[in-house]
C-alpha atoms as a PDB file:
ATOM      1  CA  MET A   1    -159.183 -43.017 -58.701  1.00  0.00           C
ATOM      2  CA  ALA A   2    -157.868 -41.066 -61.597  1.00  0.00           C
ATOM      3  CA  VAL A   3    -154.796 -42.175 -63.543  1.00  0.00           C
ATOM      4  CA  ALA A   4    -152.576 -40.244 -65.904  1.00  0.00           C
ATOM      5  CA  LEU A   5    -149.161 -40.748 -67.567  1.00  0.00           C
ATOM      6  CA  CYS A   6    -146.127 -38.463 -67.056  1.00  0.00           C
ATOM      7  CA  PRO A   7    -145.292 -36.981 -70.431  1.00  0.00           C
ATOM      8  CA  GLU A   8    -141.603 -37.111 -69.583  1.00  0.00           C
ATOM      9  CA  CYS A   9    -140.962 -40.522 -68.252  1.00  0.00           C
ATOM     10  CA  GLU A  10    -144.307 -42.280 -68.870  1.00  0.00           C
ATOM     11  CA  ALA A  11    -144.722 -43.218 -65.182  1.00  0.00           C
ATOM     12  CA  GLU A  12    -148.310 -43.967 -64.267  1.00  0.00           C
ATOM     13  CA  LEU A  13    -149.557 -41.422 -61.696  1.00  0.00           C
ATOM     14  CA  ASN A  14    -152.516 -42.220 -59.522  1.00  0.00           C
ATOM     15  CA  PHE A  15    -154.692 -39.614 -57.945  1.00  0.00           C
ATOM     16  CA  ASP A  16    -157.075 -40.410 -55.037  1.00  0.00           C
ATOM     17  CA  SER A  17    -158.383 -36.921 -54.708  1.00  0.00           C
ATOM     18  CA  PRO A  18    -159.705 -34.803 -57.661  1.00  0.00           C
ATOM     19  CA  VAL A  19    -157.301 -32.627 -59.649  1.00  0.00           C
ATOM     20  CA  ARG A  20    -158.220 -29.452 -61.630  1.00  0.00           C
ATOM     21  CA  VAL A  21    -156.991 -27.922 -64.845  1.00  0.00           C
ATOM     22  CA  GLY A  22    -154.014 -25.629 -64.069  1.00  0.00           C
ATOM     23  CA  GLU A  23    -153.016 -27.579 -60.950  1.00  0.00           C
ATOM     24  CA  ARG A  24    -149.317 -28.226 -60.754  1.00  0.00           C
ATOM     25  CA  LEU A  25    -147.598 -31.282 -59.258  1.00  0.00           C
ATOM     26  CA  PHE A  26    -144.350 -33.205 -59.435  1.00  0.00           C
ATOM     27  CA  CYS A  27    -143.728 -36.599 -60.915  1.00  0.00           C
ATOM     28  CA  PRO A  28    -142.489 -38.937 -58.157  1.00  0.00           C
ATOM     29  CA  GLU A  29    -140.286 -40.825 -60.692  1.00  0.00           C
ATOM     30  CA  CYS A  30    -138.582 -38.097 -62.706  1.00  0.00           C
ATOM     31  CA  ASP A  31    -139.265 -35.003 -60.416  1.00  0.00           C
ATOM     32  CA  ILE A  32    -140.381 -32.866 -63.344  1.00  0.00           C
ATOM     33  CA  GLU A  33    -143.085 -30.259 -62.677  1.00  0.00           C
ATOM     34  CA  LEU A  34    -146.332 -31.129 -64.412  1.00  0.00           C
ATOM     35  CA  GLU A  35    -149.563 -29.238 -65.022  1.00  0.00           C
ATOM     36  CA  VAL A  36    -153.038 -30.685 -65.453  1.00  0.00           C
ATOM     37  CA  ILE A  37    -154.143 -29.622 -68.894  1.00  0.00           C
ATOM     38  CA  SER A  38    -157.396 -31.712 -69.086  1.00  0.00           C
ATOM     39  CA  GLU A  39    -159.685 -33.363 -66.485  1.00  0.00           C
ATOM     40  CA  LYS A  40    -161.515 -35.736 -68.903  1.00  0.00           C
ATOM     41  CA  PRO A  41    -159.469 -37.480 -69.915  1.00  0.00           C
ATOM     42  CA  LEU A  42    -156.933 -36.689 -67.254  1.00  0.00           C
ATOM     43  CA  THR A  43    -153.998 -35.321 -69.178  1.00  0.00           C
ATOM     44  CA  LEU A  44    -150.682 -33.876 -67.823  1.00  0.00           C
ATOM     45  CA  ASP A  45    -148.052 -31.772 -69.617  1.00  0.00           C
ATOM     46  CA  CYS A  46    -144.690 -30.273 -68.539  1.00  0.00           C
ATOM     47  CA  ALA A  47    -145.342 -27.045 -66.582  1.00  0.00           C
ATOM     48  CA  PHE A  48    -143.961 -23.839 -67.942  1.00  0.00           C
ATOM     49  CA  ASP A  49    -143.724 -20.436 -66.188  1.00  0.00           C
ATOM     50  CA  ASP A  50    -145.165 -17.547 -68.157  1.00  0.00           C
ATOM     51  CA  GLU A  51    -141.983 -15.637 -67.086  1.00  0.00           C
ATOM     52  CA  ASP A  52    -139.900 -18.037 -69.188  1.00  0.00           C
ATOM     53  CA  TRP A  53    -141.551 -16.917 -72.363  1.00  0.00           C
ATOM     54  CA  GLU A  54    -141.254 -13.481 -73.916  1.00  0.00           C
ATOM     55  CA  ASP A  55    -144.396 -11.460 -74.556  1.00  0.00           C
ATOM     56  CA  GLU A  56    -146.198 -12.649 -77.681  1.00  0.00           C
ATOM     57  CA  GLU A  57    -145.911  -9.149 -79.139  1.00  0.00           C
ATOM     58  CA  ASP A  58    -142.144  -9.149 -78.587  1.00  0.00           C
ATOM     59  CA  TRP A  59    -141.853 -12.659 -80.118  1.00  0.00           C
ATOM     60  CA  ASP A  60    -143.909 -11.563 -83.222  1.00  0.00           C
ATOM     61  CA  GLU A  61    -141.616  -8.542 -83.691  1.00  0.00           C
ATOM     62  CA  ASP A  62    -138.470 -10.631 -83.435  1.00  0.00           C
ATOM     63  CA  TRP A  63    -139.932 -13.162 -85.900  1.00  0.00           C
ATOM     64  CA  GLU A  64    -140.804 -10.445 -88.472  1.00  0.00           C
ATOM     65  CA  GLU A  65    -137.262  -8.976 -88.348  1.00  0.00           C
ATOM     66  CA  GLU A  66    -135.664 -12.269 -89.462  1.00  0.00           C
END
């Protein structure tokens, strides 16, 4: 059984079946969407959609203008 902590509420999450990097799930305690970022050690982080971020090139251009 694999165990990881929710990065948001620090709840201990237990997994009976294997999880893979990139897999998304929800914390049963705080209901935040999480993403597996490492299998060994099992590490979770808050999930972000690529659509929420501007293209890196656009971000670089905005940064240079300031």
